[in-house]
Amino acid sequence: MFVVLLTYTAPQPEIDYAIPDHTEWLARQFEHGLFLASGRRVDHRGEVLLARPMSTGKLEATLAGDPLLLRHLAHHEVVEFSATRTAPELRALNEALAG
């Protein structure tokens, strides 16, 4: 599983202009079942994405299509972790129980 931290690197008006395309891109990732949650960071410096377990290559390829990254308006940091303890709603994603 992955936590992706997006940090905006451009002025807010440029980010605001690109958000509709980014939102469309996000919707497609949710439709494909790749992302579990997303939202803007409270400090408005970027966003946080929670991605399902997948290969790092697949995640990087997916992120490469984000309009914010394509337009060099943000950069991302990917944190991979193995979910070993989850709330009941996420039990299917608990990698310690999988298998």
PDB file of N, CA and C in Angstrom:
ATOM      1  N   MET A   1       0.858  -1.156   0.000  1.00  0.00           N
ATOM      2  CA  MET A   1       0.000   0.000   0.000  1.00  0.00           C
ATOM      3  C   MET A   1       0.910   1.227   0.000  1.00  0.00           C
ATOM      4  N   PHE A   2       0.377   2.342  -0.458  1.00  0.00           N
ATOM      5  CA  PHE A   2       1.191   3.547  -0.595  1.00  0.00           C
ATOM      6  C   PHE A   2       0.459   4.780  -0.080  1.00  0.00           C
ATOM      7  N   VAL A   3       1.225   5.663   0.506  1.00  0.00           N
ATOM      8  CA  VAL A   3       0.786   7.021   0.780  1.00  0.00           C
ATOM      9  C   VAL A   3       1.582   7.896  -0.190  1.00  0.00           C
ATOM     10  N   VAL A   4       0.879   8.722  -0.933  1.00  0.00           N
ATOM     11  CA  VAL A   4       1.532   9.634  -1.873  1.00  0.00           C
ATOM     12  C   VAL A   4       1.270  11.048  -1.389  1.00  0.00           C
ATOM     13  N   LEU A   5       2.357  11.779  -1.147  1.00  0.00           N
ATOM     14  CA  LEU A   5       2.257  13.169  -0.734  1.00  0.00           C
ATOM     15  C   LEU A   5       2.570  14.050  -1.936  1.00  0.00           C
ATOM     16  N   LEU A   6       1.578  14.801  -2.388  1.00  0.00           N
ATOM     17  CA  LEU A   6       1.781  15.773  -3.460  1.00  0.00           C
ATOM     18  C   LEU A   6       2.041  17.132  -2.810  1.00  0.00           C
ATOM     19  N   THR A   7       3.060  17.806  -3.265  1.00  0.00           N
ATOM     20  CA  THR A   7       3.362  19.142  -2.774  1.00  0.00           C
ATOM     21  C   THR A   7       3.335  20.096  -3.957  1.00  0.00           C
ATOM     22  N   TYR A   8       2.499  21.120  -3.844  1.00  0.00           N
ATOM     23  CA  TYR A   8       2.408  22.105  -4.912  1.00  0.00           C
ATOM     24  C   TYR A   8       3.709  22.898  -4.999  1.00  0.00           C
ATOM     25  N   THR A   9       4.135  23.172  -6.217  1.00  0.00           N
ATOM     26  CA  THR A   9       5.372  23.920  -6.440  1.00  0.00           C
ATOM     27  C   THR A   9       5.127  25.186  -7.256  1.00  0.00           C
ATOM     28  N   ALA A  10       3.878  25.492  -7.512  1.00  0.00           N
ATOM     29  CA  ALA A  10       3.521  26.655  -8.323  1.00  0.00           C
ATOM     30  C   ALA A  10       2.569  27.544  -7.526  1.00  0.00           C
ATOM     31  N   PRO A  11       2.391  28.782  -7.968  1.00  0.00           N
ATOM     32  CA  PRO A  11       1.434  29.676  -7.299  1.00  0.00           C
ATOM     33  C   PRO A  11       0.013  29.108  -7.361  1.00  0.00           C
ATOM     34  N   GLN A  12      -0.776  29.428  -6.347  1.00  0.00           N
ATOM     35  CA  GLN A  12      -2.132  28.883  -6.230  1.00  0.00           C
ATOM     36  C   GLN A  12      -2.999  29.117  -7.469  1.00  0.00           C
ATOM     37  N   PRO A  13      -2.937  30.280  -8.133  1.00  0.00           N
ATOM     38  CA  PRO A  13      -3.770  30.455  -9.338  1.00  0.00           C
ATOM     39  C   PRO A  13      -3.456  29.414 -10.430  1.00  0.00           C
ATOM     40  N   GLU A  14      -2.189  29.044 -10.570  1.00  0.00           N
ATOM     41  CA  GLU A  14      -1.827  28.011 -11.547  1.00  0.00           C
ATOM     42  C   GLU A  14      -2.374  26.647 -11.130  1.00  0.00           C
ATOM     43  N   ILE A  15      -2.312  26.363  -9.836  1.00  0.00           N
ATOM     44  CA  ILE A  15      -2.853  25.104  -9.313  1.00  0.00           C
ATOM     45  C   ILE A  15      -4.361  25.075  -9.562  1.00  0.00           C
ATOM     46  N   ASP A  16      -5.043  26.154  -9.209  1.00  0.00           N
ATOM     47  CA  ASP A  16      -6.499  26.230  -9.369  1.00  0.00           C
ATOM     48  C   ASP A  16      -6.906  25.998 -10.821  1.00  0.00           C
ATOM     49  N   TYR A  17      -6.128  26.513 -11.753  1.00  0.00           N
ATOM     50  CA  TYR A  17      -6.423  26.344 -13.176  1.00  0.00           C
ATOM     51  C   TYR A  17      -6.329  24.871 -13.587  1.00  0.00           C
ATOM     52  N   ALA A  18      -5.405  24.127 -12.993  1.00  0.00           N
ATOM     53  CA  ALA A  18      -5.180  22.726 -13.360  1.00  0.00           C
ATOM     54  C   ALA A  18      -6.039  21.741 -12.569  1.00  0.00           C
ATOM     55  N   ILE A  19      -6.666  22.194 -11.497  1.00  0.00           N
ATOM     56  CA  ILE A  19      -7.418  21.274 -10.627  1.00  0.00           C
ATOM     57  C   ILE A  19      -8.530  20.519 -11.360  1.00  0.00           C
ATOM     58  N   PRO A  20      -9.304  21.129 -12.257  1.00  0.00           N
ATOM     59  CA  PRO A  20     -10.334  20.329 -12.942  1.00  0.00           C
ATOM     60  C   PRO A  20      -9.752  19.120 -13.688  1.00  0.00           C
ATOM     61  N   ASP A  21      -8.627  19.289 -14.372  1.00  0.00           N
ATOM     62  CA  ASP A  21      -7.997  18.161 -15.068  1.00  0.00           C
ATOM     63  C   ASP A  21      -7.463  17.139 -14.070  1.00  0.00           C
ATOM     64  N   HIS A  22      -6.899  17.611 -12.983  1.00  0.00           N
ATOM     65  CA  HIS A  22      -6.395  16.720 -11.938  1.00  0.00           C
ATOM     66  C   HIS A  22      -7.550  15.927 -11.316  1.00  0.00           C
ATOM     67  N   THR A  23      -8.670  16.598 -11.072  1.00  0.00           N
ATOM     68  CA  THR A  23      -9.843  15.937 -10.484  1.00  0.00           C
ATOM     69  C   THR A  23     -10.372  14.853 -11.411  1.00  0.00           C
ATOM     70  N   GLU A  24     -10.390  15.124 -12.704  1.00  0.00           N
ATOM     71  CA  GLU A  24     -10.802  14.132 -13.705  1.00  0.00           C
ATOM     72  C   GLU A  24      -9.859  12.926 -13.685  1.00  0.00           C
ATOM     73  N   TRP A  25      -8.566  13.187 -13.617  1.00  0.00           N
ATOM     74  CA  TRP A  25      -7.559  12.134 -13.556  1.00  0.00           C
ATOM     75  C   TRP A  25      -7.763  11.289 -12.298  1.00  0.00           C
ATOM     76  N   LEU A  26      -7.993  11.949 -11.166  1.00  0.00           N
ATOM     77  CA  LEU A  26      -8.245  11.224  -9.915  1.00  0.00           C
ATOM     78  C   LEU A  26      -9.463  10.316 -10.044  1.00  0.00           C
ATOM     79  N   ALA A  27     -10.530  10.835 -10.627  1.00  0.00           N
ATOM     80  CA  ALA A  27     -11.763  10.050 -10.785  1.00  0.00           C
ATOM     81  C   ALA A  27     -11.489   8.767 -11.573  1.00  0.00           C
ATOM     82  N   ARG A  28     -10.669   8.861 -12.611  1.00  0.00           N
ATOM     83  CA  ARG A  28     -10.327   7.665 -13.401  1.00  0.00           C
ATOM     84  C   ARG A  28      -9.562   6.651 -12.564  1.00  0.00           C
ATOM     85  N   GLN A  29      -8.671   7.127 -11.691  1.00  0.00           N
ATOM     86  CA  GLN A  29      -7.892   6.203 -10.857  1.00  0.00           C
ATOM     87  C   GLN A  29      -8.803   5.494  -9.850  1.00  0.00           C
ATOM     88  N   PHE A  30      -9.783   6.215  -9.315  1.00  0.00           N
ATOM     89  CA  PHE A  30     -10.748   5.583  -8.416  1.00  0.00           C
ATOM     90  C   PHE A  30     -11.603   4.571  -9.178  1.00  0.00           C
ATOM     91  N   GLU A  31     -12.018   4.923 -10.396  1.00  0.00           N
ATOM     92  CA  GLU A  31     -12.804   3.992 -11.218  1.00  0.00           C
ATOM     93  C   GLU A  31     -12.032   2.711 -11.499  1.00  0.00           C
ATOM     94  N   HIS A  32     -10.723   2.831 -11.705  1.00  0.00           N
ATOM     95  CA  HIS A  32      -9.869   1.665 -11.957  1.00  0.00           C
ATOM     96  C   HIS A  32      -9.530   0.916 -10.670  1.00  0.00           C
ATOM     97  N   GLY A  33      -9.946   1.451  -9.530  1.00  0.00           N
ATOM     98  CA  GLY A  33      -9.710   0.802  -8.252  1.00  0.00           C
ATOM     99  C   GLY A  33      -8.302   0.950  -7.716  1.00  0.00           C
ATOM    100  N   LEU A  34      -7.558   1.924  -8.212  1.00  0.00           N
ATOM    101  CA  LEU A  34      -6.165   2.084  -7.789  1.00  0.00           C
ATOM    102  C   LEU A  34      -6.020   2.892  -6.508  1.00  0.00           C
ATOM    103  N   PHE A  35      -6.901   3.873  -6.298  1.00  0.00           N
ATOM    104  CA  PHE A  35      -6.805   4.737  -5.129  1.00  0.00           C
ATOM    105  C   PHE A  35      -7.930   4.435  -4.158  1.00  0.00           C
ATOM    106  N   LEU A  36      -7.627   4.593  -2.876  1.00  0.00           N
ATOM    107  CA  LEU A  36      -8.601   4.348  -1.813  1.00  0.00           C
ATOM    108  C   LEU A  36      -9.133   5.640  -1.205  1.00  0.00           C
ATOM    109  N   ALA A  37      -8.308   6.669  -1.184  1.00  0.00           N
ATOM    110  CA  ALA A  37      -8.705   7.951  -0.601  1.00  0.00           C
ATOM    111  C   ALA A  37      -7.816   9.046  -1.171  1.00  0.00           C
ATOM    112  N   SER A  38      -8.338  10.252  -1.166  1.00  0.00           N
ATOM    113  CA  SER A  38      -7.546  11.402  -1.578  1.00  0.00           C
ATOM    114  C   SER A  38      -8.133  12.640  -0.926  1.00  0.00           C
ATOM    115  N   GLY A  39      -7.295  13.642  -0.763  1.00  0.00           N
ATOM    116  CA  GLY A  39      -7.786  14.898  -0.216  1.00  0.00           C
ATOM    117  C   GLY A  39      -6.683  15.923  -0.123  1.00  0.00           C
ATOM    118  N   ARG A  40      -7.115  17.148  -0.013  1.00  0.00           N
ATOM    119  CA  ARG A  40      -6.175  18.262   0.077  1.00  0.00           C
ATOM    120  C   ARG A  40      -5.593  18.318   1.488  1.00  0.00           C
ATOM    121  N   ARG A  41      -4.313  18.588   1.566  1.00  0.00           N
ATOM    122  CA  ARG A  41      -3.667  18.756   2.862  1.00  0.00           C
ATOM    123  C   ARG A  41      -4.249  19.979   3.556  1.00  0.00           C
ATOM    124  N   VAL A  42      -4.393  19.911   4.857  1.00  0.00           N
ATOM    125  CA  VAL A  42      -5.022  20.981   5.628  1.00  0.00           C
ATOM    126  C   VAL A  42      -4.312  22.317   5.426  1.00  0.00           C
ATOM    127  N   ASP A  43      -3.000  22.270   5.244  1.00  0.00           N
ATOM    128  CA  ASP A  43      -2.249  23.511   5.049  1.00  0.00           C
ATOM    129  C   ASP A  43      -2.312  24.027   3.612  1.00  0.00           C
ATOM    130  N   HIS A  44      -3.058  23.335   2.747  1.00  0.00           N
ATOM    131  CA  HIS A  44      -3.240  23.701   1.336  1.00  0.00           C
ATOM    132  C   HIS A  44      -1.942  23.724   0.545  1.00  0.00           C
ATOM    133  N   ARG A  45      -0.932  23.006   1.023  1.00  0.00           N
ATOM    134  CA  ARG A  45       0.348  22.935   0.317  1.00  0.00           C
ATOM    135  C   ARG A  45       0.386  21.791  -0.675  1.00  0.00           C
ATOM    136  N   GLY A  46      -0.680  21.002  -0.720  1.00  0.00           N
ATOM    137  CA  GLY A  46      -0.686  19.854  -1.611  1.00  0.00           C
ATOM    138  C   GLY A  46      -1.828  18.913  -1.280  1.00  0.00           C
ATOM    139  N   GLU A  47      -1.608  17.639  -1.593  1.00  0.00           N
ATOM    140  CA  GLU A  47      -2.640  16.630  -1.402  1.00  0.00           C
ATOM    141  C   GLU A  47      -2.019  15.346  -0.871  1.00  0.00           C
ATOM    142  N   VAL A  48      -2.896  14.466  -0.386  1.00  0.00           N
ATOM    143  CA  VAL A  48      -2.488  13.146   0.063  1.00  0.00           C
ATOM    144  C   VAL A  48      -3.350  12.123  -0.674  1.00  0.00           C
ATOM    145  N   LEU A  49      -2.709  11.092  -1.204  1.00  0.00           N
ATOM    146  CA  LEU A  49      -3.403   9.999  -1.876  1.00  0.00           C
ATOM    147  C   LEU A  49      -3.070   8.708  -1.142  1.00  0.00           C
ATOM    148  N   LEU A  50      -4.041   7.840  -0.994  1.00  0.00           N
ATOM    149  CA  LEU A  50      -3.819   6.510  -0.445  1.00  0.00           C
ATOM    150  C   LEU A  50      -4.082   5.527  -1.575  1.00  0.00           C
ATOM    151  N   ALA A  51      -3.049   4.787  -1.948  1.00  0.00           N
ATOM    152  CA  ALA A  51      -3.144   3.868  -3.095  1.00  0.00           C
ATOM    153  C   ALA A  51      -3.101   2.422  -2.621  1.00  0.00           C
ATOM    154  N   ARG A  52      -3.833   1.579  -3.326  1.00  0.00           N
ATOM    155  CA  ARG A  52      -3.861   0.145  -3.041  1.00  0.00           C
ATOM    156  C   ARG A  52      -2.485  -0.477  -3.249  1.00  0.00           C
ATOM    157  N   PRO A  53      -2.284  -1.652  -2.719  1.00  0.00           N
ATOM    158  CA  PRO A  53      -1.063  -2.380  -3.043  1.00  0.00           C
ATOM    159  C   PRO A  53      -0.985  -2.656  -4.550  1.00  0.00           C
ATOM    160  N   MET A  54       0.164  -2.387  -5.127  1.00  0.00           N
ATOM    161  CA  MET A  54       0.431  -2.631  -6.552  1.00  0.00           C
ATOM    162  C   MET A  54       1.934  -2.547  -6.720  1.00  0.00           C
ATOM    163  N   SER A  55       2.423  -2.834  -7.884  1.00  0.00           N
ATOM    164  CA  SER A  55       3.864  -2.693  -8.096  1.00  0.00           C
ATOM    165  C   SER A  55       4.230  -1.210  -8.078  1.00  0.00           C
ATOM    166  N   THR A  56       5.428  -0.936  -7.633  1.00  0.00           N
ATOM    167  CA  THR A  56       5.916   0.437  -7.618  1.00  0.00           C
ATOM    168  C   THR A  56       5.910   1.025  -9.021  1.00  0.00           C
ATOM    169  N   GLY A  57       6.262   0.205 -10.004  1.00  0.00           N
ATOM    170  CA  GLY A  57       6.267   0.667 -11.392  1.00  0.00           C
ATOM    171  C   GLY A  57       4.895   1.095 -11.860  1.00  0.00           C
ATOM    172  N   LYS A  58       3.867   0.322 -11.492  1.00  0.00           N
ATOM    173  CA  LYS A  58       2.504   0.678 -11.886  1.00  0.00           C
ATOM    174  C   LYS A  58       2.081   1.986 -11.230  1.00  0.00           C
ATOM    175  N   LEU A  59       2.414   2.141  -9.958  1.00  0.00           N
ATOM    176  CA  LEU A  59       2.060   3.389  -9.285  1.00  0.00           C
ATOM    177  C   LEU A  59       2.781   4.566  -9.923  1.00  0.00           C
ATOM    178  N   GLU A  60       4.071   4.431 -10.172  1.00  0.00           N
ATOM    179  CA  GLU A  60       4.830   5.530 -10.783  1.00  0.00           C
ATOM    180  C   GLU A  60       4.277   5.883 -12.164  1.00  0.00           C
ATOM    181  N   ALA A  61       3.909   4.860 -12.939  1.00  0.00           N
ATOM    182  CA  ALA A  61       3.328   5.112 -14.264  1.00  0.00           C
ATOM    183  C   ALA A  61       1.989   5.832 -14.136  1.00  0.00           C
ATOM    184  N   THR A  62       1.208   5.457 -13.145  1.00  0.00           N
ATOM    185  CA  THR A  62      -0.081   6.115 -12.915  1.00  0.00           C
ATOM    186  C   THR A  62       0.131   7.570 -12.525  1.00  0.00           C
ATOM    187  N   LEU A  63       1.028   7.797 -11.572  1.00  0.00           N
ATOM    188  CA  LEU A  63       1.299   9.164 -11.119  1.00  0.00           C
ATOM    189  C   LEU A  63       1.852  10.038 -12.242  1.00  0.00           C
ATOM    190  N   ALA A  64       2.588   9.451 -13.155  1.00  0.00           N
ATOM    191  CA  ALA A  64       3.173  10.212 -14.265  1.00  0.00           C
ATOM    192  C   ALA A  64       2.105  10.859 -15.142  1.00  0.00           C
ATOM    193  N   GLY A  65       0.881  10.342 -15.093  1.00  0.00           N
ATOM    194  CA  GLY A  65      -0.207  10.911 -15.884  1.00  0.00           C
ATOM    195  C   GLY A  65      -0.971  12.020 -15.189  1.00  0.00           C
ATOM    196  N   ASP A  66      -0.619  12.338 -13.954  1.00  0.00           N
ATOM    197  CA  ASP A  66      -1.310  13.384 -13.205  1.00  0.00           C
ATOM    198  C   ASP A  66      -1.016  14.734 -13.849  1.00  0.00           C
ATOM    199  N   PRO A  67      -2.043  15.481 -14.244  1.00  0.00           N
ATOM    200  CA  PRO A  67      -1.826  16.786 -14.866  1.00  0.00           C
ATOM    201  C   PRO A  67      -0.988  17.745 -14.014  1.00  0.00           C
ATOM    202  N   LEU A  68      -1.086  17.651 -12.696  1.00  0.00           N
ATOM    203  CA  LEU A  68      -0.263  18.527 -11.851  1.00  0.00           C
ATOM    204  C   LEU A  68       1.217  18.219 -12.006  1.00  0.00           C
ATOM    205  N   LEU A  69       1.545  16.935 -12.161  1.00  0.00           N
ATOM    206  CA  LEU A  69       2.939  16.555 -12.348  1.00  0.00           C
ATOM    207  C   LEU A  69       3.386  16.808 -13.787  1.00  0.00           C
ATOM    208  N   LEU A  70       2.501  16.524 -14.737  1.00  0.00           N
ATOM    209  CA  LEU A  70       2.833  16.757 -16.148  1.00  0.00           C
ATOM    210  C   LEU A  70       3.151  18.223 -16.418  1.00  0.00           C
ATOM    211  N   ARG A  71       2.439  19.101 -15.732  1.00  0.00           N
ATOM    212  CA  ARG A  71       2.635  20.546 -15.923  1.00  0.00           C
ATOM    213  C   ARG A  71       3.671  21.123 -14.960  1.00  0.00           C
ATOM    214  N   HIS A  72       4.337  20.263 -14.218  1.00  0.00           N
ATOM    215  CA  HIS A  72       5.379  20.680 -13.271  1.00  0.00           C
ATOM    216  C   HIS A  72       4.848  21.667 -12.232  1.00  0.00           C
ATOM    217  N   LEU A  73       3.622  21.411 -11.771  1.00  0.00           N
ATOM    218  CA  LEU A  73       2.997  22.255 -10.756  1.00  0.00           C
ATOM    219  C   LEU A  73       3.097  21.638  -9.367  1.00  0.00           C
ATOM    220  N   ALA A  74       3.577  20.402  -9.314  1.00  0.00           N
ATOM    221  CA  ALA A  74       3.696  19.695  -8.040  1.00  0.00           C
ATOM    222  C   ALA A  74       4.760  18.618  -8.178  1.00  0.00           C
ATOM    223  N   HIS A  75       5.240  18.153  -7.047  1.00  0.00           N
ATOM    224  CA  HIS A  75       6.098  16.969  -7.040  1.00  0.00           C
ATOM    225  C   HIS A  75       5.490  16.002  -6.031  1.00  0.00           C
ATOM    226  N   HIS A  76       5.919  14.768  -6.071  1.00  0.00           N
ATOM    227  CA  HIS A  76       5.339  13.786  -5.177  1.00  0.00           C
ATOM    228  C   HIS A  76       6.410  12.996  -4.443  1.00  0.00           C
ATOM    229  N   GLU A  77       6.002  12.511  -3.281  1.00  0.00           N
ATOM    230  CA  GLU A  77       6.813  11.592  -2.492  1.00  0.00           C
ATOM    231  C   GLU A  77       5.951  10.363  -2.245  1.00  0.00           C
ATOM    232  N   VAL A  78       6.504   9.205  -2.519  1.00  0.00           N
ATOM    233  CA  VAL A  78       5.771   7.951  -2.340  1.00  0.00           C
ATOM    234  C   VAL A  78       6.336   7.230  -1.125  1.00  0.00           C
ATOM    235  N   VAL A  79       5.447   6.852  -0.224  1.00  0.00           N
ATOM    236  CA  VAL A  79       5.819   6.072   0.949  1.00  0.00           C
ATOM    237  C   VAL A  79       5.105   4.731   0.843  1.00  0.00           C
ATOM    238  N   GLU A  80       5.876   3.662   0.698  1.00  0.00           N
ATOM    239  CA  GLU A  80       5.289   2.324   0.623  1.00  0.00           C
ATOM    240  C   GLU A  80       5.292   1.710   2.011  1.00  0.00           C
ATOM    241  N   PHE A  81       4.196   1.030   2.355  1.00  0.00           N
ATOM    242  CA  PHE A  81       4.143   0.330   3.631  1.00  0.00           C
ATOM    243  C   PHE A  81       3.267  -0.898   3.495  1.00  0.00           C
ATOM    244  N   SER A  82       3.460  -1.839   4.392  1.00  0.00           N
ATOM    245  CA  SER A  82       2.627  -3.045   4.438  1.00  0.00           C
ATOM    246  C   SER A  82       1.622  -2.870   5.559  1.00  0.00           C
ATOM    247  N   ALA A  83       0.360  -2.868   5.198  1.00  0.00           N
ATOM    248  CA  ALA A  83      -0.688  -2.726   6.207  1.00  0.00           C
ATOM    249  C   ALA A  83      -0.785  -4.032   6.994  1.00  0.00           C
ATOM    250  N   THR A  84      -0.481  -3.951   8.279  1.00  0.00           N
ATOM    251  CA  THR A  84      -0.566  -5.138   9.132  1.00  0.00           C
ATOM    252  C   THR A  84      -1.660  -5.011  10.180  1.00  0.00           C
ATOM    253  N   ARG A  85      -2.181  -3.815  10.315  1.00  0.00           N
ATOM    254  CA  ARG A  85      -3.285  -3.588  11.230  1.00  0.00           C
ATOM    255  C   ARG A  85      -4.231  -2.609  10.561  1.00  0.00           C
ATOM    256  N   THR A  86      -5.506  -2.971  10.499  1.00  0.00           N
ATOM    257  CA  THR A  86      -6.479  -2.143   9.787  1.00  0.00           C
ATOM    258  C   THR A  86      -7.803  -2.102  10.548  1.00  0.00           C
ATOM    259  N   ALA A  87      -8.570  -1.079  10.268  1.00  0.00           N
ATOM    260  CA  ALA A  87      -9.951  -1.017  10.741  1.00  0.00           C
ATOM    261  C   ALA A  87     -10.739  -2.083   9.986  1.00  0.00           C
ATOM    262  N   PRO A  88     -11.852  -2.525  10.544  1.00  0.00           N
ATOM    263  CA  PRO A  88     -12.639  -3.563   9.860  1.00  0.00           C
ATOM    264  C   PRO A  88     -12.977  -3.213   8.409  1.00  0.00           C
ATOM    265  N   GLU A  89     -13.204  -1.932   8.123  1.00  0.00           N
ATOM    266  CA  GLU A  89     -13.563  -1.521   6.756  1.00  0.00           C
ATOM    267  C   GLU A  89     -12.429  -1.757   5.774  1.00  0.00           C
ATOM    268  N   LEU A  90     -11.213  -1.852   6.264  1.00  0.00           N
ATOM    269  CA  LEU A  90     -10.048  -2.031   5.389  1.00  0.00           C
ATOM    270  C   LEU A  90      -9.425  -3.428   5.523  1.00  0.00           C
ATOM    271  N   ARG A  91     -10.096  -4.328   6.185  1.00  0.00           N
ATOM    272  CA  ARG A  91      -9.538  -5.650   6.445  1.00  0.00           C
ATOM    273  C   ARG A  91      -9.069  -6.346   5.166  1.00  0.00           C
ATOM    274  N   ALA A  92      -9.769  -6.156   4.064  1.00  0.00           N
ATOM    275  CA  ALA A  92      -9.368  -6.796   2.804  1.00  0.00           C
ATOM    276  C   ALA A  92      -8.014  -6.306   2.319  1.00  0.00           C
ATOM    277  N   LEU A  93      -7.558  -5.151   2.802  1.00  0.00           N
ATOM    278  CA  LEU A  93      -6.281  -4.596   2.383  1.00  0.00           C
ATOM    279  C   LEU A  93      -5.149  -4.937   3.349  1.00  0.00           C
ATOM    280  N   ASN A  94      -5.475  -5.637   4.422  1.00  0.00           N
ATOM    281  CA  ASN A  94      -4.484  -5.983   5.425  1.00  0.00           C
ATOM    282  C   ASN A  94      -3.575  -7.066   4.867  1.00  0.00           C
ATOM    283  N   GLU A  95      -2.366  -6.673   4.493  1.00  0.00           N
ATOM    284  CA  GLU A  95      -1.449  -7.573   3.834  1.00  0.00           C
ATOM    285  C   GLU A  95      -0.968  -8.700   4.751  1.00  0.00           C
ATOM    286  N   ALA A  96      -1.044  -8.499   6.066  1.00  0.00           N
ATOM    287  CA  ALA A  96      -0.661  -9.547   7.000  1.00  0.00           C
ATOM    288  C   ALA A  96      -1.690 -10.675   7.026  1.00  0.00           C
ATOM    289  N   LEU A  97      -2.929 -10.358   6.686  1.00  0.00           N
ATOM    290  CA  LEU A  97      -3.988 -11.365   6.670  1.00  0.00           C
ATOM    291  C   LEU A  97      -4.171 -11.995   5.296  1.00  0.00           C
ATOM    292  N   ALA A  98      -3.602 -11.357   4.274  1.00  0.00           N
ATOM    293  CA  ALA A  98      -3.760 -11.861   2.897  1.00  0.00           C
ATOM    294  C   ALA A  98      -3.025 -13.188   2.743  1.00  0.00           C
ATOM    295  N   GLY A  99      -3.540 -13.984   1.861  1.00  0.00           N
ATOM    296  CA  GLY A  99      -2.787 -15.170   1.544  1.00  0.00           C
ATOM    297  C   GLY A  99      -3.543 -16.386   1.745  1.00  0.00           C
TER     298      GLY A  99
END
